[in-house]
Amino acid sequence: MKDTMIEYSLKKKGATKDYPFGPDPVAIKVAGKMFALIFENKEKNCRLNLKCDPIIAENLREQHEAVQPGYHMNKKHWNTITLDGSLSDEDVYVMIDHSYDMVIKSLPKSVRESLAE
């Protein structure tokens, strides 16, 4: 599951893999800004931190037990998704897309345009 989410995230235009905190977690960035942080715990399910609009973040947390406030992140703007099988891959992909889009929107116009080419 972790590898699937990493592969999907890296298909995003300009996405790169980084290990700023050691071998685990893996950070997925665009233009140097993180949009996904993927933790793998051998005893527990894989977890994925994703940036999210605060209103959507609250709604997702209310609807899904697997979506919690961001672990070690700004809890208003980040969610942690536990990949326990309760959410479909497609649901998680939509959340990854949203996180990527949120980061892209915050980039300078020249960087956004270079990614759009």
N, C-alpha and C. Protein backbone atom coordinates (compact mmCIF):
# COMPACT_ATOMS: atom_id res chain seq x y z
N MET A 1 0.83 -1.20 0.00
CA MET A 1 0.00 0.00 0.00
C MET A 1 0.88 1.26 0.00
N LYS A 2 1.92 1.26 0.84
CA LYS A 2 2.81 2.41 0.91
C LYS A 2 3.44 2.68 -0.45
N ASP A 3 3.95 1.63 -1.10
CA ASP A 3 4.60 1.80 -2.40
C ASP A 3 3.63 2.33 -3.44
N THR A 4 2.38 1.88 -3.40
CA THR A 4 1.36 2.35 -4.33
C THR A 4 1.14 3.85 -4.16
N MET A 5 1.07 4.32 -2.92
CA MET A 5 0.84 5.74 -2.66
C MET A 5 2.06 6.58 -3.07
N ILE A 6 3.25 6.05 -2.85
CA ILE A 6 4.47 6.75 -3.27
C ILE A 6 4.50 6.85 -4.79
N GLU A 7 4.24 5.74 -5.47
CA GLU A 7 4.23 5.73 -6.94
C GLU A 7 3.21 6.72 -7.48
N TYR A 8 2.01 6.71 -6.91
CA TYR A 8 0.96 7.63 -7.38
C TYR A 8 1.41 9.08 -7.18
N SER A 9 1.94 9.38 -6.01
CA SER A 9 2.38 10.75 -5.70
C SER A 9 3.48 11.21 -6.64
N LEU A 10 4.40 10.31 -6.97
CA LEU A 10 5.53 10.68 -7.82
C LEU A 10 5.14 10.88 -9.28
N LYS A 11 3.93 10.46 -9.66
CA LYS A 11 3.45 10.70 -11.03
C LYS A 11 3.02 12.15 -11.23
N LYS A 12 2.87 12.87 -10.13
CA LYS A 12 2.48 14.28 -10.21
C LYS A 12 3.61 15.09 -10.84
N LYS A 13 3.24 16.05 -11.67
CA LYS A 13 4.24 16.86 -12.38
C LYS A 13 5.15 17.58 -11.39
N GLY A 14 6.46 17.35 -11.52
CA GLY A 14 7.45 18.01 -10.67
C GLY A 14 7.67 17.35 -9.33
N ALA A 15 6.99 16.24 -9.04
CA ALA A 15 7.11 15.58 -7.73
C ALA A 15 8.46 14.88 -7.58
N THR A 16 9.02 15.01 -6.38
CA THR A 16 10.29 14.35 -6.05
C THR A 16 10.19 13.69 -4.70
N LYS A 17 11.02 12.69 -4.50
CA LYS A 17 11.07 11.95 -3.24
C LYS A 17 12.24 12.48 -2.42
N ASP A 18 12.03 12.62 -1.11
CA ASP A 18 13.07 13.15 -0.22
C ASP A 18 12.97 12.43 1.12
N TYR A 19 14.10 12.40 1.83
CA TYR A 19 14.15 11.77 3.15
C TYR A 19 14.72 12.77 4.17
N PRO A 20 14.00 13.87 4.45
CA PRO A 20 14.55 14.90 5.33
C PRO A 20 14.65 14.48 6.80
N PHE A 21 13.97 13.40 7.17
CA PHE A 21 13.94 12.97 8.57
C PHE A 21 14.60 11.62 8.77
N GLY A 22 15.41 11.16 7.82
CA GLY A 22 16.02 9.83 7.89
C GLY A 22 15.30 8.88 6.95
N PRO A 23 15.53 7.56 7.11
CA PRO A 23 14.98 6.60 6.16
C PRO A 23 13.45 6.47 6.17
N ASP A 24 12.83 6.85 7.25
CA ASP A 24 11.36 6.83 7.35
C ASP A 24 10.96 8.05 8.16
N PRO A 25 10.06 8.83 7.75
CA PRO A 25 9.15 8.72 6.61
C PRO A 25 9.76 9.23 5.31
N VAL A 26 9.07 8.96 4.21
CA VAL A 26 9.45 9.50 2.92
C VAL A 26 8.55 10.72 2.65
N ALA A 27 9.20 11.81 2.24
CA ALA A 27 8.46 13.04 1.91
C ALA A 27 8.37 13.15 0.40
N ILE A 28 7.20 13.51 -0.11
CA ILE A 28 7.01 13.76 -1.53
C ILE A 28 6.79 15.27 -1.67
N LYS A 29 7.62 15.89 -2.50
CA LYS A 29 7.61 17.35 -2.61
C LYS A 29 7.41 17.78 -4.06
N VAL A 30 6.93 19.00 -4.21
CA VAL A 30 6.89 19.66 -5.50
C VAL A 30 7.47 21.06 -5.29
N ALA A 31 8.45 21.42 -6.11
CA ALA A 31 9.14 22.71 -5.99
C ALA A 31 9.66 22.93 -4.57
N GLY A 32 10.15 21.85 -3.94
CA GLY A 32 10.72 21.93 -2.61
C GLY A 32 9.72 21.98 -1.47
N LYS A 33 8.43 21.95 -1.79
CA LYS A 33 7.37 22.01 -0.77
C LYS A 33 6.72 20.63 -0.63
N MET A 34 6.61 20.17 0.59
CA MET A 34 6.04 18.86 0.85
C MET A 34 4.53 18.84 0.66
N PHE A 35 4.02 17.81 -0.04
CA PHE A 35 2.58 17.62 -0.13
C PHE A 35 2.15 16.26 0.39
N ALA A 36 3.10 15.36 0.64
CA ALA A 36 2.77 14.05 1.22
C ALA A 36 3.94 13.59 2.08
N LEU A 37 3.61 13.00 3.20
CA LEU A 37 4.61 12.43 4.10
C LEU A 37 4.10 11.04 4.44
N ILE A 38 4.87 10.02 4.09
CA ILE A 38 4.39 8.64 4.22
C ILE A 38 5.24 7.90 5.24
N PHE A 39 4.57 7.42 6.30
CA PHE A 39 5.21 6.67 7.39
C PHE A 39 4.86 5.20 7.23
N GLU A 40 5.84 4.34 7.51
CA GLU A 40 5.54 2.92 7.53
C GLU A 40 5.95 2.37 8.88
N ASN A 41 5.00 1.80 9.57
CA ASN A 41 5.26 1.18 10.86
C ASN A 41 4.98 -0.30 10.70
N LYS A 42 5.97 -1.12 10.98
CA LYS A 42 5.83 -2.57 10.77
C LYS A 42 4.68 -3.17 11.59
N GLU A 43 4.47 -2.65 12.80
CA GLU A 43 3.43 -3.20 13.67
C GLU A 43 2.04 -2.65 13.33
N LYS A 44 2.00 -1.46 12.78
CA LYS A 44 0.73 -0.80 12.50
C LYS A 44 0.59 -0.57 11.00
N ASN A 45 -0.54 -0.01 10.62
CA ASN A 45 -0.78 0.32 9.22
C ASN A 45 0.07 1.52 8.81
N CYS A 46 0.31 1.60 7.53
CA CYS A 46 1.00 2.75 6.95
C CYS A 46 0.14 4.00 7.17
N ARG A 47 0.80 5.14 7.40
CA ARG A 47 0.08 6.41 7.55
C ARG A 47 0.61 7.41 6.55
N LEU A 48 -0.29 8.29 6.14
CA LEU A 48 0.01 9.26 5.10
C LEU A 48 -0.45 10.63 5.58
N ASN A 49 0.46 11.59 5.67
CA ASN A 49 0.09 12.97 6.01
C ASN A 49 -0.10 13.75 4.72
N LEU A 50 -1.24 14.42 4.62
CA LEU A 50 -1.56 15.20 3.42
C LEU A 50 -2.09 16.57 3.80
N LYS A 51 -1.69 17.57 3.04
CA LYS A 51 -2.20 18.93 3.22
C LYS A 51 -3.67 18.94 2.79
N CYS A 52 -4.48 19.75 3.47
CA CYS A 52 -5.91 19.77 3.16
C CYS A 52 -6.52 21.11 3.56
N ASP A 53 -7.46 21.57 2.76
CA ASP A 53 -8.23 22.76 3.10
C ASP A 53 -8.87 22.50 4.47
N PRO A 54 -8.80 23.46 5.40
CA PRO A 54 -9.31 23.22 6.76
C PRO A 54 -10.77 22.76 6.84
N ILE A 55 -11.64 23.29 6.00
CA ILE A 55 -13.06 22.90 6.04
C ILE A 55 -13.22 21.46 5.53
N ILE A 56 -12.53 21.15 4.44
CA ILE A 56 -12.58 19.78 3.91
C ILE A 56 -11.95 18.81 4.91
N ALA A 57 -10.86 19.23 5.55
CA ALA A 57 -10.19 18.39 6.54
C ALA A 57 -11.15 17.98 7.66
N GLU A 58 -11.89 18.95 8.17
CA GLU A 58 -12.86 18.66 9.24
C GLU A 58 -13.92 17.68 8.76
N ASN A 59 -14.44 17.90 7.55
CA ASN A 59 -15.47 17.00 7.00
C ASN A 59 -14.94 15.58 6.86
N LEU A 60 -13.72 15.44 6.34
CA LEU A 60 -13.14 14.11 6.17
C LEU A 60 -12.96 13.40 7.51
N ARG A 61 -12.54 14.17 8.53
CA ARG A 61 -12.34 13.58 9.87
C ARG A 61 -13.66 13.11 10.46
N GLU A 62 -14.74 13.85 10.18
CA GLU A 62 -16.06 13.46 10.69
C GLU A 62 -16.58 12.22 9.96
N GLN A 63 -16.28 12.09 8.68
CA GLN A 63 -16.81 11.00 7.86
C GLN A 63 -16.01 9.71 7.97
N HIS A 64 -14.71 9.81 8.24
CA HIS A 64 -13.85 8.62 8.19
C HIS A 64 -13.00 8.51 9.45
N GLU A 65 -13.11 7.37 10.12
CA GLU A 65 -12.31 7.14 11.31
C GLU A 65 -10.81 7.11 10.98
N ALA A 66 -10.47 6.71 9.75
CA ALA A 66 -9.07 6.60 9.34
C ALA A 66 -8.43 7.96 9.06
N VAL A 67 -9.20 9.04 9.09
CA VAL A 67 -8.67 10.39 8.85
C VAL A 67 -8.66 11.14 10.18
N GLN A 68 -7.47 11.55 10.59
CA GLN A 68 -7.26 12.23 11.87
C GLN A 68 -6.48 13.52 11.64
N PRO A 69 -6.45 14.42 12.64
CA PRO A 69 -5.61 15.61 12.50
C PRO A 69 -4.15 15.22 12.25
N GLY A 70 -3.42 16.02 11.49
CA GLY A 70 -2.06 15.70 11.07
C GLY A 70 -1.11 15.37 12.21
N TYR A 71 -0.51 14.21 12.13
CA TYR A 71 0.48 13.73 13.10
C TYR A 71 1.77 14.54 12.94
N HIS A 72 2.20 15.23 14.00
CA HIS A 72 3.39 16.08 13.98
C HIS A 72 3.32 17.21 12.95
N MET A 73 2.10 17.65 12.62
CA MET A 73 1.92 18.69 11.62
C MET A 73 0.94 19.73 12.16
N ASN A 74 0.75 20.82 11.41
CA ASN A 74 -0.27 21.80 11.74
C ASN A 74 -1.62 21.11 11.56
N LYS A 75 -2.32 20.89 12.65
CA LYS A 75 -3.54 20.08 12.62
C LYS A 75 -4.70 20.75 11.88
N LYS A 76 -4.60 22.03 11.66
CA LYS A 76 -5.64 22.73 10.90
C LYS A 76 -5.51 22.44 9.41
N HIS A 77 -4.27 22.33 8.93
CA HIS A 77 -4.01 22.24 7.50
C HIS A 77 -3.54 20.87 7.02
N TRP A 78 -3.37 19.91 7.92
CA TRP A 78 -2.87 18.59 7.55
C TRP A 78 -3.73 17.50 8.18
N ASN A 79 -3.94 16.44 7.41
CA ASN A 79 -4.61 15.24 7.91
C ASN A 79 -3.63 14.07 7.87
N THR A 80 -3.82 13.14 8.79
CA THR A 80 -3.12 11.87 8.73
C THR A 80 -4.15 10.81 8.38
N ILE A 81 -3.87 10.09 7.30
CA ILE A 81 -4.76 9.02 6.85
C ILE A 81 -4.10 7.70 7.17
N THR A 82 -4.79 6.86 7.94
CA THR A 82 -4.29 5.52 8.24
C THR A 82 -4.76 4.61 7.11
N LEU A 83 -3.81 3.98 6.45
CA LEU A 83 -4.14 3.10 5.33
C LEU A 83 -4.45 1.71 5.86
N ASP A 84 -5.66 1.59 6.40
CA ASP A 84 -6.09 0.35 7.04
C ASP A 84 -7.10 -0.43 6.20
N GLY A 85 -7.33 0.03 4.97
CA GLY A 85 -8.27 -0.65 4.09
C GLY A 85 -9.68 -0.10 4.18
N SER A 86 -9.95 0.81 5.12
CA SER A 86 -11.31 1.37 5.25
C SER A 86 -11.61 2.40 4.16
N LEU A 87 -10.57 2.97 3.56
CA LEU A 87 -10.73 3.89 2.43
C LEU A 87 -10.20 3.21 1.18
N SER A 88 -10.88 3.42 0.06
CA SER A 88 -10.41 2.83 -1.20
C SER A 88 -9.16 3.59 -1.67
N ASP A 89 -8.38 2.95 -2.52
CA ASP A 89 -7.22 3.63 -3.10
C ASP A 89 -7.67 4.90 -3.80
N GLU A 90 -8.81 4.83 -4.49
CA GLU A 90 -9.32 6.00 -5.23
C GLU A 90 -9.61 7.16 -4.28
N ASP A 91 -10.19 6.87 -3.10
CA ASP A 91 -10.45 7.92 -2.10
C ASP A 91 -9.14 8.58 -1.68
N VAL A 92 -8.12 7.77 -1.44
CA VAL A 92 -6.82 8.30 -1.02
C VAL A 92 -6.18 9.09 -2.16
N TYR A 93 -6.32 8.61 -3.40
CA TYR A 93 -5.77 9.33 -4.55
C TYR A 93 -6.39 10.73 -4.65
N VAL A 94 -7.68 10.84 -4.41
CA VAL A 94 -8.35 12.16 -4.44
C VAL A 94 -7.74 13.07 -3.38
N MET A 95 -7.45 12.52 -2.20
CA MET A 95 -6.84 13.32 -1.14
C MET A 95 -5.41 13.74 -1.51
N ILE A 96 -4.66 12.85 -2.16
CA ILE A 96 -3.31 13.19 -2.63
C ILE A 96 -3.40 14.30 -3.68
N ASP A 97 -4.34 14.17 -4.61
CA ASP A 97 -4.54 15.20 -5.64
C ASP A 97 -4.83 16.56 -4.99
N HIS A 98 -5.70 16.56 -3.99
CA HIS A 98 -6.07 17.80 -3.30
C HIS A 98 -4.84 18.42 -2.61
N SER A 99 -4.06 17.58 -1.94
CA SER A 99 -2.86 18.06 -1.25
C SER A 99 -1.88 18.69 -2.25
N TYR A 100 -1.65 17.99 -3.36
CA TYR A 100 -0.77 18.51 -4.41
C TYR A 100 -1.28 19.85 -4.92
N ASP A 101 -2.58 19.92 -5.21
CA ASP A 101 -3.17 21.16 -5.72
C ASP A 101 -3.04 22.30 -4.72
N MET A 102 -3.21 22.00 -3.43
CA MET A 102 -3.07 23.03 -2.39
C MET A 102 -1.65 23.61 -2.40
N VAL A 103 -0.66 22.74 -2.53
CA VAL A 103 0.73 23.20 -2.54
C VAL A 103 1.02 23.98 -3.82
N ILE A 104 0.55 23.48 -4.96
CA ILE A 104 0.76 24.18 -6.23
C ILE A 104 0.19 25.59 -6.17
N LYS A 105 -1.01 25.74 -5.61
CA LYS A 105 -1.66 27.05 -5.51
C LYS A 105 -0.83 28.04 -4.70
N SER A 106 -0.04 27.55 -3.75
CA SER A 106 0.74 28.43 -2.87
C SER A 106 2.08 28.83 -3.48
N LEU A 107 2.45 28.22 -4.61
CA LEU A 107 3.74 28.52 -5.23
C LEU A 107 3.68 29.83 -6.02
N PRO A 108 4.84 30.47 -6.20
CA PRO A 108 4.88 31.68 -7.02
C PRO A 108 4.39 31.38 -8.45
N LYS A 109 3.81 32.39 -9.09
CA LYS A 109 3.23 32.21 -10.42
C LYS A 109 4.23 31.63 -11.41
N SER A 110 5.46 32.09 -11.37
CA SER A 110 6.47 31.60 -12.33
C SER A 110 6.73 30.10 -12.15
N VAL A 111 6.71 29.63 -10.91
CA VAL A 111 6.92 28.20 -10.64
C VAL A 111 5.69 27.41 -11.10
N ARG A 112 4.50 27.92 -10.79
CA ARG A 112 3.26 27.26 -11.25
C ARG A 112 3.26 27.13 -12.76
N GLU A 113 3.65 28.20 -13.45
CA GLU A 113 3.65 28.17 -14.92
C GLU A 113 4.67 27.17 -15.46
N SER A 114 5.83 27.06 -14.80
CA SER A 114 6.84 26.11 -15.28
C SER A 114 6.34 24.67 -15.09
N LEU A 115 5.54 24.43 -14.07
CA LEU A 115 4.98 23.09 -13.85
C LEU A 115 3.84 22.79 -14.82
N ALA A 116 3.21 23.83 -15.32
CA ALA A 116 2.07 23.64 -16.25
C ALA A 116 2.53 23.33 -17.67
N GLU A 117 3.80 23.60 -17.96
CA GLU A 117 4.30 23.41 -19.34
C GLU A 117 4.37 21.95 -19.72
